Amino acid sequence: MSGVVKIESRETKEELKALLGREKDAHRYEKLQVLYWLKTQTVETVLSAAVRLGKHRTTVQRWLSSYRKGGREELLLQKPRSGRPRMMNPETVERLSKELLQPE
């Protein structure tokens, strides 16, 4: 059947459920949720997991690919976000915040 996920989860259902209960970060929670669904056979395909999460199919495929490559550690790794640097340095922001608190 096309789209059926062939992944062997290294964690047990109980371990995944415990990890879900302790996870505070929403993105990491979603990634663990996919593993839990696959382990409990709640979903069978990447597409069905993606639809349940409201994510694109390729996003879930990318998550599972990183899981296959390096396990849970690789899956939950928070890569630094690239982007435009802040226009003001932290000292300037702090000084402006203090000035805004003054009633003058």
PDB file of N, CA and C in Angstrom:
ATOM      1  N   MET A   1       0.847  -1.183   0.000  1.00  0.00           N
ATOM      2  CA  MET A   1       0.000   0.000   0.000  1.00  0.00           C
ATOM      3  C   MET A   1       0.886   1.238   0.000  1.00  0.00           C
ATOM      4  N   SER A   2       0.619   2.120  -0.885  1.00  0.00           N
ATOM      5  CA  SER A   2       1.408   3.331  -1.005  1.00  0.00           C
ATOM      6  C   SER A   2       1.141   4.282   0.159  1.00  0.00           C
ATOM      7  N   GLY A   3       2.213   4.853   0.699  1.00  0.00           N
ATOM      8  CA  GLY A   3       2.066   5.823   1.770  1.00  0.00           C
ATOM      9  C   GLY A   3       2.102   5.224   3.158  1.00  0.00           C
ATOM     10  N   VAL A   4       2.128   3.889   3.264  1.00  0.00           N
ATOM     11  CA  VAL A   4       2.186   3.256   4.575  1.00  0.00           C
ATOM     12  C   VAL A   4       3.582   3.467   5.140  1.00  0.00           C
ATOM     13  N   VAL A   5       3.648   3.853   6.391  1.00  0.00           N
ATOM     14  CA  VAL A   5       4.919   4.171   7.026  1.00  0.00           C
ATOM     15  C   VAL A   5       5.604   2.897   7.495  1.00  0.00           C
ATOM     16  N   LYS A   6       6.845   2.731   7.067  1.00  0.00           N
ATOM     17  CA  LYS A   6       7.644   1.598   7.517  1.00  0.00           C
ATOM     18  C   LYS A   6       8.738   2.145   8.423  1.00  0.00           C
ATOM     19  N   ILE A   7       8.405   2.277   9.695  1.00  0.00           N
ATOM     20  CA  ILE A   7       9.366   2.813  10.655  1.00  0.00           C
ATOM     21  C   ILE A   7       9.280   1.979  11.924  1.00  0.00           C
ATOM     22  N   GLU A   8      10.441   1.645  12.459  1.00  0.00           N
ATOM     23  CA  GLU A   8      10.490   0.870  13.684  1.00  0.00           C
ATOM     24  C   GLU A   8      10.814   1.809  14.834  1.00  0.00           C
ATOM     25  N   SER A   9       9.835   2.039  15.678  1.00  0.00           N
ATOM     26  CA  SER A   9      10.009   2.926  16.825  1.00  0.00           C
ATOM     27  C   SER A   9      10.828   2.212  17.892  1.00  0.00           C
ATOM     28  N   ARG A  10      11.843   2.886  18.389  1.00  0.00           N
ATOM     29  CA  ARG A  10      12.716   2.293  19.409  1.00  0.00           C
ATOM     30  C   ARG A  10      12.100   2.392  20.801  1.00  0.00           C
ATOM     31  N   GLU A  11      11.149   3.285  20.979  1.00  0.00           N
ATOM     32  CA  GLU A  11      10.513   3.507  22.276  1.00  0.00           C
ATOM     33  C   GLU A  11       9.223   2.696  22.384  1.00  0.00           C
ATOM     34  N   THR A  12       8.848   2.378  23.611  1.00  0.00           N
ATOM     35  CA  THR A  12       7.589   1.687  23.837  1.00  0.00           C
ATOM     36  C   THR A  12       6.453   2.713  23.878  1.00  0.00           C
ATOM     37  N   LYS A  13       5.219   2.199  23.824  1.00  0.00           N
ATOM     38  CA  LYS A  13       4.059   3.091  23.927  1.00  0.00           C
ATOM     39  C   LYS A  13       4.079   3.864  25.232  1.00  0.00           C
ATOM     40  N   GLU A  14       4.437   3.176  26.309  1.00  0.00           N
ATOM     41  CA  GLU A  14       4.450   3.815  27.622  1.00  0.00           C
ATOM     42  C   GLU A  14       5.501   4.925  27.703  1.00  0.00           C
ATOM     43  N   GLU A  15       6.673   4.667  27.109  1.00  0.00           N
ATOM     44  CA  GLU A  15       7.728   5.694  27.090  1.00  0.00           C
ATOM     45  C   GLU A  15       7.276   6.923  26.312  1.00  0.00           C
ATOM     46  N   LEU A  16       6.674   6.684  25.157  1.00  0.00           N
ATOM     47  CA  LEU A  16       6.214   7.806  24.336  1.00  0.00           C
ATOM     48  C   LEU A  16       5.119   8.593  25.040  1.00  0.00           C
ATOM     49  N   LYS A  17       4.218   7.893  25.708  1.00  0.00           N
ATOM     50  CA  LYS A  17       3.143   8.573  26.438  1.00  0.00           C
ATOM     51  C   LYS A  17       3.718   9.425  27.566  1.00  0.00           C
ATOM     52  N   ALA A  18       4.729   8.901  28.264  1.00  0.00           N
ATOM     53  CA  ALA A  18       5.379   9.658  29.334  1.00  0.00           C
ATOM     54  C   ALA A  18       6.098  10.881  28.775  1.00  0.00           C
ATOM     55  N   LEU A  19       6.769  10.715  27.637  1.00  0.00           N
ATOM     56  CA  LEU A  19       7.453  11.847  27.006  1.00  0.00           C
ATOM     57  C   LEU A  19       6.459  12.921  26.584  1.00  0.00           C
ATOM     58  N   LEU A  20       5.321  12.499  26.063  1.00  0.00           N
ATOM     59  CA  LEU A  20       4.283  13.457  25.671  1.00  0.00           C
ATOM     60  C   LEU A  20       3.775  14.231  26.875  1.00  0.00           C
ATOM     61  N   GLY A  21       3.631  13.552  28.002  1.00  0.00           N
ATOM     62  CA  GLY A  21       3.144  14.210  29.211  1.00  0.00           C
ATOM     63  C   GLY A  21       4.114  15.238  29.769  1.00  0.00           C
ATOM     64  N   ARG A  22       5.404  15.028  29.547  1.00  0.00           N
ATOM     65  CA  ARG A  22       6.410  15.953  30.078  1.00  0.00           C
ATOM     66  C   ARG A  22       6.781  17.071  29.115  1.00  0.00           C
ATOM     67  N   GLU A  23       6.473  16.916  27.829  1.00  0.00           N
ATOM     68  CA  GLU A  23       6.916  17.883  26.819  1.00  0.00           C
ATOM     69  C   GLU A  23       6.140  19.187  26.909  1.00  0.00           C
ATOM     70  N   LYS A  24       6.859  20.290  26.942  1.00  0.00           N
ATOM     71  CA  LYS A  24       6.247  21.623  27.031  1.00  0.00           C
ATOM     72  C   LYS A  24       6.259  22.374  25.699  1.00  0.00           C
ATOM     73  N   ASP A  25       7.199  22.024  24.820  1.00  0.00           N
ATOM     74  CA  ASP A  25       7.330  22.705  23.532  1.00  0.00           C
ATOM     75  C   ASP A  25       6.345  22.113  22.529  1.00  0.00           C
ATOM     76  N   ALA A  26       5.556  22.960  21.885  1.00  0.00           N
ATOM     77  CA  ALA A  26       4.496  22.495  20.987  1.00  0.00           C
ATOM     78  C   ALA A  26       5.046  21.752  19.771  1.00  0.00           C
ATOM     79  N   HIS A  27       6.141  22.222  19.200  1.00  0.00           N
ATOM     80  CA  HIS A  27       6.693  21.580  18.006  1.00  0.00           C
ATOM     81  C   HIS A  27       7.250  20.190  18.339  1.00  0.00           C
ATOM     82  N   ARG A  28       7.947  20.103  19.454  1.00  0.00           N
ATOM     83  CA  ARG A  28       8.482  18.811  19.865  1.00  0.00           C
ATOM     84  C   ARG A  28       7.341  17.863  20.237  1.00  0.00           C
ATOM     85  N   TYR A  29       6.273  18.388  20.846  1.00  0.00           N
ATOM     86  CA  TYR A  29       5.109  17.575  21.197  1.00  0.00           C
ATOM     87  C   TYR A  29       4.490  16.957  19.945  1.00  0.00           C
ATOM     88  N   GLU A  30       4.357  17.749  18.889  1.00  0.00           N
ATOM     89  CA  GLU A  30       3.758  17.244  17.644  1.00  0.00           C
ATOM     90  C   GLU A  30       4.595  16.122  17.050  1.00  0.00           C
ATOM     91  N   LYS A  31       5.900  16.267  17.108  1.00  0.00           N
ATOM     92  CA  LYS A  31       6.778  15.230  16.566  1.00  0.00           C
ATOM     93  C   LYS A  31       6.636  13.931  17.361  1.00  0.00           C
ATOM     94  N   LEU A  32       6.590  14.060  18.677  1.00  0.00           N
ATOM     95  CA  LEU A  32       6.389  12.876  19.513  1.00  0.00           C
ATOM     96  C   LEU A  32       5.005  12.269  19.298  1.00  0.00           C
ATOM     97  N   GLN A  33       4.023  13.127  19.050  1.00  0.00           N
ATOM     98  CA  GLN A  33       2.653  12.666  18.822  1.00  0.00           C
ATOM     99  C   GLN A  33       2.587  11.762  17.598  1.00  0.00           C
ATOM    100  N   VAL A  34       3.314  12.120  16.544  1.00  0.00           N
ATOM    101  CA  VAL A  34       3.338  11.293  15.338  1.00  0.00           C
ATOM    102  C   VAL A  34       3.923   9.921  15.660  1.00  0.00           C
ATOM    103  N   LEU A  35       5.021   9.898  16.409  1.00  0.00           N
ATOM    104  CA  LEU A  35       5.612   8.605  16.795  1.00  0.00           C
ATOM    105  C   LEU A  35       4.630   7.771  17.614  1.00  0.00           C
ATOM    106  N   TYR A  36       3.926   8.425  18.539  1.00  0.00           N
ATOM    107  CA  TYR A  36       2.958   7.720  19.373  1.00  0.00           C
ATOM    108  C   TYR A  36       1.826   7.151  18.523  1.00  0.00           C
ATOM    109  N   TRP A  37       1.320   7.946  17.603  1.00  0.00           N
ATOM    110  CA  TRP A  37       0.245   7.468  16.728  1.00  0.00           C
ATOM    111  C   TRP A  37       0.697   6.274  15.896  1.00  0.00           C
ATOM    112  N   LEU A  38       1.922   6.324  15.402  1.00  0.00           N
ATOM    113  CA  LEU A  38       2.426   5.212  14.603  1.00  0.00           C
ATOM    114  C   LEU A  38       2.617   3.967  15.469  1.00  0.00           C
ATOM    115  N   LYS A  39       3.092   4.154  16.676  1.00  0.00           N
ATOM    116  CA  LYS A  39       3.315   3.017  17.575  1.00  0.00           C
ATOM    117  C   LYS A  39       1.988   2.365  17.973  1.00  0.00           C
ATOM    118  N   THR A  40       0.963   3.178  18.227  1.00  0.00           N
ATOM    119  CA  THR A  40      -0.336   2.646  18.633  1.00  0.00           C
ATOM    120  C   THR A  40      -1.215   2.306  17.433  1.00  0.00           C
ATOM    121  N   GLN A  41      -0.694   2.501  16.242  1.00  0.00           N
ATOM    122  CA  GLN A  41      -1.399   2.241  14.983  1.00  0.00           C
ATOM    123  C   GLN A  41      -2.682   3.047  14.874  1.00  0.00           C
ATOM    124  N   THR A  42      -2.671   4.260  15.437  1.00  0.00           N
ATOM    125  CA  THR A  42      -3.798   5.177  15.279  1.00  0.00           C
ATOM    126  C   THR A  42      -3.827   5.708  13.855  1.00  0.00           C
ATOM    127  N   VAL A  43      -2.656   5.910  13.269  1.00  0.00           N
ATOM    128  CA  VAL A  43      -2.537   6.300  11.866  1.00  0.00           C
ATOM    129  C   VAL A  43      -1.658   5.274  11.162  1.00  0.00           C
ATOM    130  N   GLU A  44      -1.893   5.117   9.868  1.00  0.00           N
ATOM    131  CA  GLU A  44      -1.093   4.163   9.099  1.00  0.00           C
ATOM    132  C   GLU A  44      -0.239   4.848   8.053  1.00  0.00           C
ATOM    133  N   THR A  45      -0.644   6.036   7.628  1.00  0.00           N
ATOM    134  CA  THR A  45       0.086   6.712   6.564  1.00  0.00           C
ATOM    135  C   THR A  45       0.586   8.074   7.039  1.00  0.00           C
ATOM    136  N   VAL A  46       1.580   8.556   6.325  1.00  0.00           N
ATOM    137  CA  VAL A  46       2.114   9.890   6.606  1.00  0.00           C
ATOM    138  C   VAL A  46       1.030  10.932   6.362  1.00  0.00           C
ATOM    139  N   LEU A  47       0.266  10.738   5.313  1.00  0.00           N
ATOM    140  CA  LEU A  47      -0.786  11.694   4.975  1.00  0.00           C
ATOM    141  C   LEU A  47      -1.838  11.783   6.082  1.00  0.00           C
ATOM    142  N   SER A  48      -2.239  10.656   6.628  1.00  0.00           N
ATOM    143  CA  SER A  48      -3.257  10.699   7.688  1.00  0.00           C
ATOM    144  C   SER A  48      -2.709  11.370   8.945  1.00  0.00           C
ATOM    145  N   ALA A  49      -1.440  11.144   9.263  1.00  0.00           N
ATOM    146  CA  ALA A  49      -0.825  11.826  10.413  1.00  0.00           C
ATOM    147  C   ALA A  49      -0.744  13.331  10.151  1.00  0.00           C
ATOM    148  N   ALA A  50      -0.378  13.705   8.940  1.00  0.00           N
ATOM    149  CA  ALA A  50      -0.262  15.118   8.593  1.00  0.00           C
ATOM    150  C   ALA A  50      -1.614  15.823   8.663  1.00  0.00           C
ATOM    151  N   VAL A  51      -2.645  15.159   8.186  1.00  0.00           N
ATOM    152  CA  VAL A  51      -3.989  15.748   8.223  1.00  0.00           C
ATOM    153  C   VAL A  51      -4.438  15.943   9.664  1.00  0.00           C
ATOM    154  N   ARG A  52      -4.200  14.947  10.513  1.00  0.00           N
ATOM    155  CA  ARG A  52      -4.594  15.062  11.926  1.00  0.00           C
ATOM    156  C   ARG A  52      -3.881  16.209  12.632  1.00  0.00           C
ATOM    157  N   LEU A  53      -2.612  16.441  12.250  1.00  0.00           N
ATOM    158  CA  LEU A  53      -1.836  17.510  12.872  1.00  0.00           C
ATOM    159  C   LEU A  53      -2.070  18.869  12.234  1.00  0.00           C
ATOM    160  N   GLY A  54      -2.575  18.862  11.013  1.00  0.00           N
ATOM    161  CA  GLY A  54      -2.725  20.124  10.294  1.00  0.00           C
ATOM    162  C   GLY A  54      -1.413  20.593   9.691  1.00  0.00           C
ATOM    163  N   LYS A  55      -0.525  19.640   9.401  1.00  0.00           N
ATOM    164  CA  LYS A  55       0.776  19.926   8.794  1.00  0.00           C
ATOM    165  C   LYS A  55       0.788  19.367   7.381  1.00  0.00           C
ATOM    166  N   HIS A  56       1.783  19.772   6.613  1.00  0.00           N
ATOM    167  CA  HIS A  56       1.931  19.241   5.261  1.00  0.00           C
ATOM    168  C   HIS A  56       2.588  17.871   5.334  1.00  0.00           C
ATOM    169  N   ARG A  57       2.259  17.044   4.372  1.00  0.00           N
ATOM    170  CA  ARG A  57       2.777  15.677   4.311  1.00  0.00           C
ATOM    171  C   ARG A  57       4.308  15.642   4.302  1.00  0.00           C
ATOM    172  N   THR A  58       4.932  16.550   3.577  1.00  0.00           N
ATOM    173  CA  THR A  58       6.395  16.545   3.495  1.00  0.00           C
ATOM    174  C   THR A  58       7.043  16.936   4.825  1.00  0.00           C
ATOM    175  N   THR A  59       6.355  17.721   5.629  1.00  0.00           N
ATOM    176  CA  THR A  59       6.875  18.071   6.955  1.00  0.00           C
ATOM    177  C   THR A  59       6.966  16.826   7.820  1.00  0.00           C
ATOM    178  N   VAL A  60       5.910  16.042   7.836  1.00  0.00           N
ATOM    179  CA  VAL A  60       5.902  14.810   8.632  1.00  0.00           C
ATOM    180  C   VAL A  60       6.926  13.823   8.076  1.00  0.00           C
ATOM    181  N   GLN A  61       7.065  13.751   6.761  1.00  0.00           N
ATOM    182  CA  GLN A  61       8.062  12.871   6.157  1.00  0.00           C
ATOM    183  C   GLN A  61       9.473  13.287   6.577  1.00  0.00           C
ATOM    184  N   ARG A  62       9.722  14.596   6.626  1.00  0.00           N
ATOM    185  CA  ARG A  62      11.032  15.104   7.040  1.00  0.00           C
ATOM    186  C   ARG A  62      11.318  14.728   8.495  1.00  0.00           C
ATOM    187  N   TRP A  63      10.282  14.838   9.356  1.00  0.00           N
ATOM    188  CA  TRP A  63      10.440  14.453  10.761  1.00  0.00           C
ATOM    189  C   TRP A  63      10.816  12.973  10.878  1.00  0.00           C
ATOM    190  N   LEU A  64      10.097  12.135  10.151  1.00  0.00           N
ATOM    191  CA  LEU A  64      10.348  10.694  10.234  1.00  0.00           C
ATOM    192  C   LEU A  64      11.705  10.330   9.648  1.00  0.00           C
ATOM    193  N   SER A  65      12.127  11.061   8.640  1.00  0.00           N
ATOM    194  CA  SER A  65      13.453  10.837   8.067  1.00  0.00           C
ATOM    195  C   SER A  65      14.540  11.158   9.088  1.00  0.00           C
ATOM    196  N   SER A  66      14.376  12.238   9.813  1.00  0.00           N
ATOM    197  CA  SER A  66      15.371  12.572  10.838  1.00  0.00           C
ATOM    198  C   SER A  66      15.328  11.553  11.975  1.00  0.00           C
ATOM    199  N   TYR A  67      14.162  11.005  12.280  1.00  0.00           N
ATOM    200  CA  TYR A  67      14.053   9.968  13.306  1.00  0.00           C
ATOM    201  C   TYR A  67      14.787   8.707  12.871  1.00  0.00           C
ATOM    202  N   ARG A  68      14.623   8.333  11.609  1.00  0.00           N
ATOM    203  CA  ARG A  68      15.325   7.157  11.092  1.00  0.00           C
ATOM    204  C   ARG A  68      16.835   7.359  11.143  1.00  0.00           C
ATOM    205  N   LYS A  69      17.265   8.582  10.871  1.00  0.00           N
ATOM    206  CA  LYS A  69      18.694   8.883  10.806  1.00  0.00           C
ATOM    207  C   LYS A  69      19.354   8.879  12.185  1.00  0.00           C
ATOM    208  N   GLY A  70      18.696   9.499  13.171  1.00  0.00           N
ATOM    209  CA  GLY A  70      19.370   9.649  14.463  1.00  0.00           C
ATOM    210  C   GLY A  70      18.533   9.374  15.688  1.00  0.00           C
ATOM    211  N   GLY A  71      17.377   8.798  15.502  1.00  0.00           N
ATOM    212  CA  GLY A  71      16.540   8.475  16.652  1.00  0.00           C
ATOM    213  C   GLY A  71      15.829   9.686  17.228  1.00  0.00           C
ATOM    214  N   ARG A  72      15.379   9.524  18.457  1.00  0.00           N
ATOM    215  CA  ARG A  72      14.602  10.573  19.117  1.00  0.00           C
ATOM    216  C   ARG A  72      15.417  11.853  19.297  1.00  0.00           C
ATOM    217  N   GLU A  73      16.710  11.714  19.565  1.00  0.00           N
ATOM    218  CA  GLU A  73      17.554  12.882  19.764  1.00  0.00           C
ATOM    219  C   GLU A  73      17.591  13.753  18.506  1.00  0.00           C
ATOM    220  N   GLU A  74      17.748  13.109  17.369  1.00  0.00           N
ATOM    221  CA  GLU A  74      17.785  13.853  16.098  1.00  0.00           C
ATOM    222  C   GLU A  74      16.425  14.466  15.784  1.00  0.00           C
ATOM    223  N   LEU A  75      15.356  13.741  16.082  1.00  0.00           N
ATOM    224  CA  LEU A  75      14.005  14.232  15.816  1.00  0.00           C
ATOM    225  C   LEU A  75      13.698  15.488  16.625  1.00  0.00           C
ATOM    226  N   LEU A  76      14.086  15.481  17.896  1.00  0.00           N
ATOM    227  CA  LEU A  76      13.737  16.583  18.790  1.00  0.00           C
ATOM    228  C   LEU A  76      14.779  17.695  18.816  1.00  0.00           C
ATOM    229  N   LEU A  77      15.826  17.560  18.030  1.00  0.00           N
ATOM    230  CA  LEU A  77      16.873  18.574  17.988  1.00  0.00           C
ATOM    231  C   LEU A  77      16.299  19.899  17.500  1.00  0.00           C
ATOM    232  N   GLN A  78      16.530  20.954  18.280  1.00  0.00           N
ATOM    233  CA  GLN A  78      16.064  22.296  17.901  1.00  0.00           C
ATOM    234  C   GLN A  78      17.181  22.990  17.144  1.00  0.00           C
ATOM    235  N   LYS A  79      17.028  23.094  15.857  1.00  0.00           N
ATOM    236  CA  LYS A  79      18.043  23.759  15.054  1.00  0.00           C
ATOM    237  C   LYS A  79      17.919  25.272  15.226  1.00  0.00           C
ATOM    238  N   PRO A  80      19.049  25.971  15.279  1.00  0.00           N
ATOM    239  CA  PRO A  80      18.963  27.427  15.434  1.00  0.00           C
ATOM    240  C   PRO A  80      18.263  28.052  14.234  1.00  0.00           C
ATOM    241  N   ARG A  81      17.428  28.996  14.526  1.00  0.00           N
ATOM    242  CA  ARG A  81      16.692  29.657  13.449  1.00  0.00           C
ATOM    243  C   ARG A  81      17.562  30.706  12.800  1.00  0.00           C
ATOM    244  N   SER A  82      17.589  30.659  11.500  1.00  0.00           N
ATOM    245  CA  SER A  82      18.304  31.709  10.789  1.00  0.00           C
ATOM    246  C   SER A  82      17.302  32.807  10.472  1.00  0.00           C
ATOM    247  N   GLY A  83      17.783  33.945  10.308  1.00  0.00           N
ATOM    248  CA  GLY A  83      16.886  35.042  10.004  1.00  0.00           C
ATOM    249  C   GLY A  83      17.600  36.367  10.144  1.00  0.00           C
ATOM    250  N   ARG A  84      16.857  37.366   9.973  1.00  0.00           N
ATOM    251  CA  ARG A  84      17.408  38.697  10.019  1.00  0.00           C
ATOM    252  C   ARG A  84      17.799  39.037  11.461  1.00  0.00           C
ATOM    253  N   PRO A  85      18.998  39.608  11.646  1.00  0.00           N
ATOM    254  CA  PRO A  85      19.399  39.995  13.001  1.00  0.00           C
ATOM    255  C   PRO A  85      18.575  41.172  13.502  1.00  0.00           C
ATOM    256  N   ARG A  86      18.494  41.291  14.821  1.00  0.00           N
ATOM    257  CA  ARG A  86      17.740  42.391  15.413  1.00  0.00           C
ATOM    258  C   ARG A  86      18.363  43.726  15.016  1.00  0.00           C
ATOM    259  N   MET A  87      17.512  44.724  14.872  1.00  0.00           N
ATOM    260  CA  MET A  87      17.998  46.044  14.486  1.00  0.00           C
ATOM    261  C   MET A  87      18.629  46.769  15.681  1.00  0.00           C
ATOM    262  N   MET A  88      18.141  46.497  16.890  1.00  0.00           N
ATOM    263  CA  MET A  88      18.671  47.147  18.085  1.00  0.00           C
ATOM    264  C   MET A  88      19.351  46.101  18.961  1.00  0.00           C
ATOM    265  N   ASN A  89      20.458  46.512  19.553  1.00  0.00           N
ATOM    266  CA  ASN A  89      21.140  45.591  20.448  1.00  0.00           C
ATOM    267  C   ASN A  89      20.409  45.551  21.794  1.00  0.00           C
ATOM    268  N   PRO A  90      20.654  44.536  22.616  1.00  0.00           N
ATOM    269  CA  PRO A  90      19.924  44.386  23.879  1.00  0.00           C
ATOM    270  C   PRO A  90      20.080  45.576  24.833  1.00  0.00           C
ATOM    271  N   GLU A  91      21.237  46.232  24.819  1.00  0.00           N
ATOM    272  CA  GLU A  91      21.442  47.382  25.707  1.00  0.00           C
ATOM    273  C   GLU A  91      20.500  48.521  25.348  1.00  0.00           C
ATOM    274  N   THR A  92      20.331  48.774  24.062  1.00  0.00           N
ATOM    275  CA  THR A  92      19.438  49.837  23.606  1.00  0.00           C
ATOM    276  C   THR A  92      17.993  49.521  23.979  1.00  0.00           C
ATOM    277  N   VAL A  93      17.596  48.288  23.814  1.00  0.00           N
ATOM    278  CA  VAL A  93      16.227  47.877  24.161  1.00  0.00           C
ATOM    279  C   VAL A  93      15.990  48.072  25.651  1.00  0.00           C
ATOM    280  N   GLU A  94      16.960  47.698  26.471  1.00  0.00           N
ATOM    281  CA  GLU A  94      16.820  47.846  27.916  1.00  0.00           C
ATOM    282  C   GLU A  94      16.727  49.317  28.313  1.00  0.00           C
ATOM    283  N   ARG A  95      17.560  50.151  27.706  1.00  0.00           N
ATOM    284  CA  ARG A  95      17.543  51.587  28.015  1.00  0.00           C
ATOM    285  C   ARG A  95      16.212  52.212  27.622  1.00  0.00           C
ATOM    286  N   LEU A  96      15.691  51.856  26.449  1.00  0.00           N
ATOM    287  CA  LEU A  96      14.402  52.393  26.009  1.00  0.00           C
ATOM    288  C   LEU A  96      13.265  51.925  26.916  1.00  0.00           C
ATOM    289  N   SER A  97      13.333  50.675  27.375  1.00  0.00           N
ATOM    290  CA  SER A  97      12.295  50.170  28.283  1.00  0.00           C
ATOM    291  C   SER A  97      12.272  50.964  29.579  1.00  0.00           C
ATOM    292  N   LYS A  98      13.450  51.277  30.104  1.00  0.00           N
ATOM    293  CA  LYS A  98      13.523  52.069  31.333  1.00  0.00           C
ATOM    294  C   LYS A  98      12.981  53.478  31.112  1.00  0.00           C
ATOM    295  N   GLU A  99      13.308  54.063  29.971  1.00  0.00           N
ATOM    296  CA  GLU A  99      12.824  55.426  29.679  1.00  0.00           C
ATOM    297  C   GLU A  99      11.314  55.446  29.511  1.00  0.00           C
ATOM    298  N   LEU A 100      10.749  54.402  28.950  1.00  0.00           N
ATOM    299  CA  LEU A 100       9.300  54.360  28.772  1.00  0.00           C
ATOM    300  C   LEU A 100       8.551  54.216  30.095  1.00  0.00           C
ATOM    301  N   LEU A 101       9.215  53.690  31.101  1.00  0.00           N
ATOM    302  CA  LEU A 101       8.580  53.538  32.419  1.00  0.00           C
ATOM    303  C   LEU A 101       8.522  54.868  33.191  1.00  0.00           C
ATOM    304  N   GLN A 102       9.363  55.810  32.792  1.00  0.00           N
ATOM    305  CA  GLN A 102       9.377  57.124  33.467  1.00  0.00           C
ATOM    306  C   GLN A 102       8.183  57.963  33.002  1.00  0.00           C
ATOM    307  N   PRO A 103       7.502  58.652  33.925  1.00  0.00           N
ATOM    308  CA  PRO A 103       6.294  59.388  33.572  1.00  0.00           C
ATOM    309  C   PRO A 103       6.538  60.666  32.762  1.00  0.00           C
ATOM    310  N   GLU A 104       7.755  61.081  32.570  1.00  0.00           N
ATOM    311  CA  GLU A 104       8.051  62.341  31.865  1.00  0.00           C
ATOM    312  C   GLU A 104       7.567  62.333  30.443  1.00  0.00           C
TER     313      GLU A 104
END
